[in-house]
Amino acid sequence: MLAKCANPTCSTPLVYLREGKIFMVESPQPKFEVLSDVAKPKPLNRVEHFWLCGPCSNEMTVTYDRQRGVEIIRKPVGKAPMARRAAAS
């Protein structure tokens, strides 16, 4: 259950979904499943949800790296979303 902003330095509680962004991150988890009395590795995907409040989602995003796992990182500076660039030109 999502309770607060995924940014570790933010304590904004999740009350309404009208502000901020929800991220769905799918990561492969090695699991074993018994098939025909023989254990065979079968990769199962694990889905996790993360919420960034409005102010944090303006500056940050959620990423996944196989080595480091899920990370909250700052958005690159100077790269406006495509819609903003088109509207500004």
PDB file of N, CA and C in Angstrom:
ATOM      1  N   MET A   1       0.839  -1.176   0.000  1.00  0.00           N
ATOM      2  CA  MET A   1       0.000   0.000   0.000  1.00  0.00           C
ATOM      3  C   MET A   1       0.882   1.237   0.000  1.00  0.00           C
ATOM      4  N   LEU A   2       0.560   2.163  -0.861  1.00  0.00           N
ATOM      5  CA  LEU A   2       1.293   3.418  -0.911  1.00  0.00           C
ATOM      6  C   LEU A   2       0.803   4.315   0.213  1.00  0.00           C
ATOM      7  N   ALA A   3       1.711   4.832   1.000  1.00  0.00           N
ATOM      8  CA  ALA A   3       1.320   5.669   2.130  1.00  0.00           C
ATOM      9  C   ALA A   3       1.861   7.088   2.021  1.00  0.00           C
ATOM     10  N   LYS A   4       3.045   7.233   1.383  1.00  0.00           N
ATOM     11  CA  LYS A   4       3.661   8.555   1.298  1.00  0.00           C
ATOM     12  C   LYS A   4       4.483   8.655   0.035  1.00  0.00           C
ATOM     13  N   CYS A   5       4.989   9.841  -0.208  1.00  0.00           N
ATOM     14  CA  CYS A   5       5.833  10.106  -1.368  1.00  0.00           C
ATOM     15  C   CYS A   5       7.056   9.173  -1.344  1.00  0.00           C
ATOM     16  N   ALA A   6       7.439   8.666  -2.525  1.00  0.00           N
ATOM     17  CA  ALA A   6       8.575   7.738  -2.622  1.00  0.00           C
ATOM     18  C   ALA A   6       9.919   8.422  -2.411  1.00  0.00           C
ATOM     19  N   ASN A   7       9.946   9.744  -2.475  1.00  0.00           N
ATOM     20  CA  ASN A   7      11.179  10.478  -2.218  1.00  0.00           C
ATOM     21  C   ASN A   7      11.505  10.333  -0.735  1.00  0.00           C
ATOM     22  N   PRO A   8      12.658   9.742  -0.405  1.00  0.00           N
ATOM     23  CA  PRO A   8      12.987   9.503   1.012  1.00  0.00           C
ATOM     24  C   PRO A   8      13.082  10.768   1.851  1.00  0.00           C
ATOM     25  N   THR A   9      13.340  11.916   1.233  1.00  0.00           N
ATOM     26  CA  THR A   9      13.449  13.159   1.997  1.00  0.00           C
ATOM     27  C   THR A   9      12.126  13.908   2.099  1.00  0.00           C
ATOM     28  N   CYS A  10      11.055  13.341   1.540  1.00  0.00           N
ATOM     29  CA  CYS A  10       9.735  13.982   1.570  1.00  0.00           C
ATOM     30  C   CYS A  10       8.788  13.131   2.413  1.00  0.00           C
ATOM     31  N   SER A  11       7.979  13.782   3.208  1.00  0.00           N
ATOM     32  CA  SER A  11       7.051  13.032   4.067  1.00  0.00           C
ATOM     33  C   SER A  11       5.586  13.311   3.722  1.00  0.00           C
ATOM     34  N   THR A  12       5.328  13.778   2.490  1.00  0.00           N
ATOM     35  CA  THR A  12       3.955  14.078   2.086  1.00  0.00           C
ATOM     36  C   THR A  12       3.132  12.794   2.042  1.00  0.00           C
ATOM     37  N   PRO A  13       2.028  12.738   2.790  1.00  0.00           N
ATOM     38  CA  PRO A  13       1.200  11.520   2.775  1.00  0.00           C
ATOM     39  C   PRO A  13       0.343  11.457   1.513  1.00  0.00           C
ATOM     40  N   LEU A  14       0.076  10.242   1.038  1.00  0.00           N
ATOM     41  CA  LEU A  14      -0.808  10.044  -0.104  1.00  0.00           C
ATOM     42  C   LEU A  14      -2.245  10.066   0.389  1.00  0.00           C
ATOM     43  N   VAL A  15      -2.970  11.114   0.019  1.00  0.00           N
ATOM     44  CA  VAL A  15      -4.363  11.261   0.418  1.00  0.00           C
ATOM     45  C   VAL A  15      -5.254  11.186  -0.815  1.00  0.00           C
ATOM     46  N   TYR A  16      -4.876  11.932  -1.867  1.00  0.00           N
ATOM     47  CA  TYR A  16      -5.639  11.975  -3.109  1.00  0.00           C
ATOM     48  C   TYR A  16      -4.703  11.701  -4.286  1.00  0.00           C
ATOM     49  N   LEU A  17      -5.228  11.094  -5.329  1.00  0.00           N
ATOM     50  CA  LEU A  17      -4.426  10.813  -6.518  1.00  0.00           C
ATOM     51  C   LEU A  17      -4.442  11.952  -7.528  1.00  0.00           C
ATOM     52  N   ARG A  18      -5.086  13.054  -7.203  1.00  0.00           N
ATOM     53  CA  ARG A  18      -5.178  14.143  -8.175  1.00  0.00           C
ATOM     54  C   ARG A  18      -3.888  14.946  -8.288  1.00  0.00           C
ATOM     55  N   GLU A  19      -2.976  14.788  -7.366  1.00  0.00           N
ATOM     56  CA  GLU A  19      -1.703  15.493  -7.430  1.00  0.00           C
ATOM     57  C   GLU A  19      -0.566  14.489  -7.415  1.00  0.00           C
ATOM     58  N   GLY A  20       0.446  14.706  -8.248  1.00  0.00           N
ATOM     59  CA  GLY A  20       1.595  13.820  -8.288  1.00  0.00           C
ATOM     60  C   GLY A  20       1.473  12.782  -9.381  1.00  0.00           C
ATOM     61  N   LYS A  21       2.378  11.802  -9.343  1.00  0.00           N
ATOM     62  CA  LYS A  21       2.410  10.752 -10.353  1.00  0.00           C
ATOM     63  C   LYS A  21       2.638   9.398  -9.691  1.00  0.00           C
ATOM     64  N   ILE A  22       1.980   8.382 -10.250  1.00  0.00           N
ATOM     65  CA  ILE A  22       2.203   7.006  -9.810  1.00  0.00           C
ATOM     66  C   ILE A  22       3.042   6.312 -10.865  1.00  0.00           C
ATOM     67  N   PHE A  23       4.065   5.609 -10.429  1.00  0.00           N
ATOM     68  CA  PHE A  23       4.960   4.876 -11.317  1.00  0.00           C
ATOM     69  C   PHE A  23       4.799   3.388 -11.058  1.00  0.00           C
ATOM     70  N   MET A  24       4.722   2.610 -12.131  1.00  0.00           N
ATOM     71  CA  MET A  24       4.673   1.161 -12.032  1.00  0.00           C
ATOM     72  C   MET A  24       6.022   0.643 -12.517  1.00  0.00           C
ATOM     73  N   VAL A  25       6.718  -0.090 -11.673  1.00  0.00           N
ATOM     74  CA  VAL A  25       8.029  -0.619 -12.016  1.00  0.00           C
ATOM     75  C   VAL A  25       7.941  -2.136 -12.007  1.00  0.00           C
ATOM     76  N   GLU A  26       8.306  -2.741 -13.138  1.00  0.00           N
ATOM     77  CA  GLU A  26       8.290  -4.194 -13.267  1.00  0.00           C
ATOM     78  C   GLU A  26       9.727  -4.682 -13.278  1.00  0.00           C
ATOM     79  N   SER A  27      10.069  -5.524 -12.330  1.00  0.00           N
ATOM     80  CA  SER A  27      11.429  -6.027 -12.249  1.00  0.00           C
ATOM     81  C   SER A  27      11.413  -7.552 -12.201  1.00  0.00           C
ATOM     82  N   PRO A  28      12.306  -8.188 -12.968  1.00  0.00           N
ATOM     83  CA  PRO A  28      12.351  -9.648 -12.958  1.00  0.00           C
ATOM     84  C   PRO A  28      12.896 -10.171 -11.637  1.00  0.00           C
ATOM     85  N   GLN A  29      12.246 -11.177 -11.105  1.00  0.00           N
ATOM     86  CA  GLN A  29      12.666 -11.801  -9.855  1.00  0.00           C
ATOM     87  C   GLN A  29      12.910 -13.279 -10.126  1.00  0.00           C
ATOM     88  N   PRO A  30      14.124 -13.770  -9.942  1.00  0.00           N
ATOM     89  CA  PRO A  30      14.364 -15.192 -10.172  1.00  0.00           C
ATOM     90  C   PRO A  30      13.629 -16.029  -9.127  1.00  0.00           C
ATOM     91  N   LYS A  31      12.776 -16.893  -9.594  1.00  0.00           N
ATOM     92  CA  LYS A  31      12.005 -17.779  -8.716  1.00  0.00           C
ATOM     93  C   LYS A  31      12.069 -19.181  -9.297  1.00  0.00           C
ATOM     94  N   PHE A  32      11.778 -20.145  -8.480  1.00  0.00           N
ATOM     95  CA  PHE A  32      11.717 -21.514  -8.952  1.00  0.00           C
ATOM     96  C   PHE A  32      10.296 -22.012  -8.815  1.00  0.00           C
ATOM     97  N   GLU A  33       9.838 -22.684  -9.852  1.00  0.00           N
ATOM     98  CA  GLU A  33       8.499 -23.234  -9.848  1.00  0.00           C
ATOM     99  C   GLU A  33       8.612 -24.725 -10.149  1.00  0.00           C
ATOM    100  N   VAL A  34       7.903 -25.532  -9.398  1.00  0.00           N
ATOM    101  CA  VAL A  34       7.958 -26.976  -9.593  1.00  0.00           C
ATOM    102  C   VAL A  34       7.030 -27.360 -10.737  1.00  0.00           C
ATOM    103  N   LEU A  35       7.617 -27.930 -11.776  1.00  0.00           N
ATOM    104  CA  LEU A  35       6.865 -28.417 -12.924  1.00  0.00           C
ATOM    105  C   LEU A  35       7.255 -29.869 -13.176  1.00  0.00           C
ATOM    106  N   SER A  36       6.326 -30.769 -13.152  1.00  0.00           N
ATOM    107  CA  SER A  36       6.580 -32.194 -13.410  1.00  0.00           C
ATOM    108  C   SER A  36       7.629 -32.762 -12.464  1.00  0.00           C
ATOM    109  N   ASP A  37       7.543 -32.437 -11.196  1.00  0.00           N
ATOM    110  CA  ASP A  37       8.468 -32.932 -10.177  1.00  0.00           C
ATOM    111  C   ASP A  37       9.918 -32.510 -10.404  1.00  0.00           C
ATOM    112  N   VAL A  38      10.165 -31.525 -11.262  1.00  0.00           N
ATOM    113  CA  VAL A  38      11.511 -31.024 -11.503  1.00  0.00           C
ATOM    114  C   VAL A  38      11.477 -29.503 -11.328  1.00  0.00           C
ATOM    115  N   ALA A  39      12.374 -29.009 -10.484  1.00  0.00           N
ATOM    116  CA  ALA A  39      12.432 -27.566 -10.272  1.00  0.00           C
ATOM    117  C   ALA A  39      13.148 -26.911 -11.453  1.00  0.00           C
ATOM    118  N   LYS A  40      12.445 -26.046 -12.151  1.00  0.00           N
ATOM    119  CA  LYS A  40      13.025 -25.324 -13.279  1.00  0.00           C
ATOM    120  C   LYS A  40      12.937 -23.829 -12.991  1.00  0.00           C
ATOM    121  N   PRO A  41      14.016 -23.110 -13.270  1.00  0.00           N
ATOM    122  CA  PRO A  41      13.943 -21.667 -13.041  1.00  0.00           C
ATOM    123  C   PRO A  41      12.948 -21.032 -14.013  1.00  0.00           C
ATOM    124  N   LYS A  42      12.086 -20.214 -13.474  1.00  0.00           N
ATOM    125  CA  LYS A  42      11.115 -19.498 -14.281  1.00  0.00           C
ATOM    126  C   LYS A  42      11.093 -18.053 -13.798  1.00  0.00           C
ATOM    127  N   PRO A  43      11.550 -17.130 -14.648  1.00  0.00           N
ATOM    128  CA  PRO A  43      11.555 -15.727 -14.201  1.00  0.00           C
ATOM    129  C   PRO A  43      10.132 -15.194 -14.066  1.00  0.00           C
ATOM    130  N   LEU A  44       9.824 -14.674 -12.903  1.00  0.00           N
ATOM    131  CA  LEU A  44       8.537 -14.055 -12.653  1.00  0.00           C
ATOM    132  C   LEU A  44       8.762 -12.565 -12.468  1.00  0.00           C
ATOM    133  N   ASN A  45       7.887 -11.770 -13.000  1.00  0.00           N
ATOM    134  CA  ASN A  45       8.025 -10.326 -12.867  1.00  0.00           C
ATOM    135  C   ASN A  45       7.285  -9.836 -11.638  1.00  0.00           C
ATOM    136  N   ARG A  46       7.928  -8.967 -10.931  1.00  0.00           N
ATOM    137  CA  ARG A  46       7.354  -8.368  -9.735  1.00  0.00           C
ATOM    138  C   ARG A  46       6.999  -6.926 -10.068  1.00  0.00           C
ATOM    139  N   VAL A  47       5.768  -6.540  -9.818  1.00  0.00           N
ATOM    140  CA  VAL A  47       5.317  -5.180 -10.114  1.00  0.00           C
ATOM    141  C   VAL A  47       5.191  -4.415  -8.799  1.00  0.00           C
ATOM    142  N   GLU A  48       5.837  -3.260  -8.760  1.00  0.00           N
ATOM    143  CA  GLU A  48       5.750  -2.384  -7.593  1.00  0.00           C
ATOM    144  C   GLU A  48       5.246  -1.020  -8.046  1.00  0.00           C
ATOM    145  N   HIS A  49       4.530  -0.342  -7.166  1.00  0.00           N
ATOM    146  CA  HIS A  49       4.012   0.985  -7.469  1.00  0.00           C
ATOM    147  C   HIS A  49       4.648   2.004  -6.526  1.00  0.00           C
ATOM    148  N   PHE A  50       5.009   3.152  -7.094  1.00  0.00           N
ATOM    149  CA  PHE A  50       5.618   4.239  -6.339  1.00  0.00           C
ATOM    150  C   PHE A  50       4.878   5.521  -6.674  1.00  0.00           C
ATOM    151  N   TRP A  51       4.686   6.374  -5.694  1.00  0.00           N
ATOM    152  CA  TRP A  51       4.013   7.653  -5.900  1.00  0.00           C
ATOM    153  C   TRP A  51       4.947   8.783  -5.521  1.00  0.00           C
ATOM    154  N   LEU A  52       5.047   9.769  -6.409  1.00  0.00           N
ATOM    155  CA  LEU A  52       5.774  10.999  -6.108  1.00  0.00           C
ATOM    156  C   LEU A  52       4.748  12.111  -6.019  1.00  0.00           C
ATOM    157  N   CYS A  53       4.788  12.891  -4.950  1.00  0.00           N
ATOM    158  CA  CYS A  53       3.853  14.003  -4.773  1.00  0.00           C
ATOM    159  C   CYS A  53       4.082  15.036  -5.877  1.00  0.00           C
ATOM    160  N   GLY A  54       3.200  16.001  -5.984  1.00  0.00           N
ATOM    161  CA  GLY A  54       3.291  17.015  -7.032  1.00  0.00           C
ATOM    162  C   GLY A  54       4.632  17.720  -7.114  1.00  0.00           C
ATOM    163  N   PRO A  55       5.098  18.342  -6.017  1.00  0.00           N
ATOM    164  CA  PRO A  55       6.390  19.036  -6.080  1.00  0.00           C
ATOM    165  C   PRO A  55       7.558  18.102  -6.416  1.00  0.00           C
ATOM    166  N   CYS A  56       7.569  16.903  -5.855  1.00  0.00           N
ATOM    167  CA  CYS A  56       8.667  15.964  -6.132  1.00  0.00           C
ATOM    168  C   CYS A  56       8.602  15.447  -7.567  1.00  0.00           C
ATOM    169  N   SER A  57       7.387  15.194  -8.091  1.00  0.00           N
ATOM    170  CA  SER A  57       7.267  14.672  -9.453  1.00  0.00           C
ATOM    171  C   SER A  57       7.645  15.725 -10.494  1.00  0.00           C
ATOM    172  N   ASN A  58       7.621  17.005 -10.127  1.00  0.00           N
ATOM    173  CA  ASN A  58       8.084  18.047 -11.043  1.00  0.00           C
ATOM    174  C   ASN A  58       9.595  18.008 -11.214  1.00  0.00           C
ATOM    175  N   GLU A  59      10.305  17.566 -10.192  1.00  0.00           N
ATOM    176  CA  GLU A  59      11.763  17.581 -10.204  1.00  0.00           C
ATOM    177  C   GLU A  59      12.406  16.206 -10.308  1.00  0.00           C
ATOM    178  N   MET A  60      11.647  15.141  -9.988  1.00  0.00           N
ATOM    179  CA  MET A  60      12.238  13.811  -9.900  1.00  0.00           C
ATOM    180  C   MET A  60      11.437  12.783 -10.689  1.00  0.00           C
ATOM    181  N   THR A  61      12.046  11.609 -10.872  1.00  0.00           N
ATOM    182  CA  THR A  61      11.373  10.497 -11.519  1.00  0.00           C
ATOM    183  C   THR A  61      11.849   9.197 -10.876  1.00  0.00           C
ATOM    184  N   VAL A  62      11.165   8.117 -11.180  1.00  0.00           N
ATOM    185  CA  VAL A  62      11.503   6.793 -10.643  1.00  0.00           C
ATOM    186  C   VAL A  62      12.144   5.987 -11.763  1.00  0.00           C
ATOM    187  N   THR A  63      13.286   5.364 -11.471  1.00  0.00           N
ATOM    188  CA  THR A  63      13.968   4.526 -12.453  1.00  0.00           C
ATOM    189  C   THR A  63      14.277   3.171 -11.845  1.00  0.00           C
ATOM    190  N   TYR A  64      14.602   2.208 -12.708  1.00  0.00           N
ATOM    191  CA  TYR A  64      14.991   0.877 -12.255  1.00  0.00           C
ATOM    192  C   TYR A  64      16.277   0.495 -12.950  1.00  0.00           C
ATOM    193  N   ASP A  65      17.229  -0.004 -12.177  1.00  0.00           N
ATOM    194  CA  ASP A  65      18.500  -0.484 -12.690  1.00  0.00           C
ATOM    195  C   ASP A  65      18.717  -1.880 -12.121  1.00  0.00           C
ATOM    196  N   ARG A  66      19.137  -2.820 -12.946  1.00  0.00           N
ATOM    197  CA  ARG A  66      19.315  -4.205 -12.464  1.00  0.00           C
ATOM    198  C   ARG A  66      20.318  -4.304 -11.320  1.00  0.00           C
ATOM    199  N   GLN A  67      21.338  -3.476 -11.361  1.00  0.00           N
ATOM    200  CA  GLN A  67      22.360  -3.522 -10.317  1.00  0.00           C
ATOM    201  C   GLN A  67      21.922  -2.835  -9.032  1.00  0.00           C
ATOM    202  N   ARG A  68      21.250  -1.686  -9.166  1.00  0.00           N
ATOM    203  CA  ARG A  68      20.911  -0.880  -7.997  1.00  0.00           C
ATOM    204  C   ARG A  68      19.457  -0.985  -7.568  1.00  0.00           C
ATOM    205  N   GLY A  69      18.593  -1.509  -8.435  1.00  0.00           N
ATOM    206  CA  GLY A  69      17.179  -1.603  -8.097  1.00  0.00           C
ATOM    207  C   GLY A  69      16.443  -0.308  -8.406  1.00  0.00           C
ATOM    208  N   VAL A  70      15.397  -0.026  -7.662  1.00  0.00           N
ATOM    209  CA  VAL A  70      14.577   1.166  -7.873  1.00  0.00           C
ATOM    210  C   VAL A  70      15.270   2.372  -7.257  1.00  0.00           C
ATOM    211  N   GLU A  71      15.300   3.464  -8.023  1.00  0.00           N
ATOM    212  CA  GLU A  71      15.927   4.693  -7.538  1.00  0.00           C
ATOM    213  C   GLU A  71      15.033   5.885  -7.839  1.00  0.00           C
ATOM    214  N   ILE A  72      15.067   6.864  -6.971  1.00  0.00           N
ATOM    215  CA  ILE A  72      14.413   8.142  -7.193  1.00  0.00           C
ATOM    216  C   ILE A  72      15.531   9.099  -7.595  1.00  0.00           C
ATOM    217  N   ILE A  73      15.465   9.620  -8.834  1.00  0.00           N
ATOM    218  CA  ILE A  73      16.537  10.489  -9.321  1.00  0.00           C
ATOM    219  C   ILE A  73      15.960  11.821  -9.799  1.00  0.00           C
ATOM    220  N   ARG A  74      16.812  12.829  -9.837  1.00  0.00           N
ATOM    221  CA  ARG A  74      16.408  14.135 -10.370  1.00  0.00           C
ATOM    222  C   ARG A  74      16.298  14.027 -11.881  1.00  0.00           C
ATOM    223  N   LYS A  75      15.306  14.732 -12.434  1.00  0.00           N
ATOM    224  CA  LYS A  75      15.150  14.784 -13.888  1.00  0.00           C
ATOM    225  C   LYS A  75      16.309  15.575 -14.474  1.00  0.00           C
ATOM    226  N   PRO A  76      16.737  15.228 -15.688  1.00  0.00           N
ATOM    227  CA  PRO A  76      17.814  15.998 -16.322  1.00  0.00           C
ATOM    228  C   PRO A  76      17.415  17.464 -16.486  1.00  0.00           C
ATOM    229  N   VAL A  77      18.344  18.362 -16.210  1.00  0.00           N
ATOM    230  CA  VAL A  77      18.092  19.797 -16.316  1.00  0.00           C
ATOM    231  C   VAL A  77      18.209  20.212 -17.783  1.00  0.00           C
ATOM    232  N   GLY A  78      17.333  21.108 -18.209  1.00  0.00           N
ATOM    233  CA  GLY A  78      17.419  21.631 -19.562  1.00  0.00           C
ATOM    234  C   GLY A  78      16.649  20.844 -20.597  1.00  0.00           C
ATOM    235  N   LYS A  79      16.045  19.746 -20.208  1.00  0.00           N
ATOM    236  CA  LYS A  79      15.258  18.957 -21.146  1.00  0.00           C
ATOM    237  C   LYS A  79      13.796  19.075 -20.769  1.00  0.00           C
ATOM    238  N   ALA A  80      13.094  19.962 -21.429  1.00  0.00           N
ATOM    239  CA  ALA A  80      11.663  20.134 -21.177  1.00  0.00           C
ATOM    240  C   ALA A  80      10.897  19.015 -21.869  1.00  0.00           C
ATOM    241  N   PRO A  81       9.740  18.658 -21.346  1.00  0.00           N
ATOM    242  CA  PRO A  81       8.927  17.652 -22.022  1.00  0.00           C
ATOM    243  C   PRO A  81       8.604  18.100 -23.446  1.00  0.00           C
ATOM    244  N   MET A  82       8.391  17.137 -24.336  1.00  0.00           N
ATOM    245  CA  MET A  82       8.149  17.430 -25.743  1.00  0.00           C
ATOM    246  C   MET A  82       6.986  18.392 -25.932  1.00  0.00           C
ATOM    247  N   ALA A  83       5.909  18.245 -25.164  1.00  0.00           N
ATOM    248  CA  ALA A  83       4.751  19.116 -25.310  1.00  0.00           C
ATOM    249  C   ALA A  83       5.112  20.554 -24.973  1.00  0.00           C
ATOM    250  N   ARG A  84       5.936  20.773 -23.996  1.00  0.00           N
ATOM    251  CA  ARG A  84       6.339  22.133 -23.636  1.00  0.00           C
ATOM    252  C   ARG A  84       7.227  22.753 -24.694  1.00  0.00           C
ATOM    253  N   ARG A  85       8.130  21.962 -25.252  1.00  0.00           N
ATOM    254  CA  ARG A  85       8.984  22.487 -26.296  1.00  0.00           C
ATOM    255  C   ARG A  85       8.170  22.880 -27.519  1.00  0.00           C
ATOM    256  N   ALA A  86       7.190  22.064 -27.860  1.00  0.00           N
ATOM    257  CA  ALA A  86       6.371  22.362 -29.033  1.00  0.00           C
ATOM    258  C   ALA A  86       5.525  23.608 -28.787  1.00  0.00           C
ATOM    259  N   ALA A  87       4.992  23.764 -27.583  1.00  0.00           N
ATOM    260  CA  ALA A  87       4.154  24.913 -27.279  1.00  0.00           C
ATOM    261  C   ALA A  87       4.970  26.193 -27.216  1.00  0.00           C
ATOM    262  N   ALA A  88       6.229  26.104 -26.851  1.00  0.00           N
ATOM    263  CA  ALA A  88       7.066  27.290 -26.715  1.00  0.00           C
ATOM    264  C   ALA A  88       7.590  27.786 -28.047  1.00  0.00           C
ATOM    265  N   SER A  89       7.604  26.937 -29.078  1.00  0.00           N
ATOM    266  CA  SER A  89       8.205  27.351 -30.358  1.00  0.00           C
ATOM    267  C   SER A  89       7.292  28.140 -31.242  1.00  0.00           C
TER     268      SER A  89
END
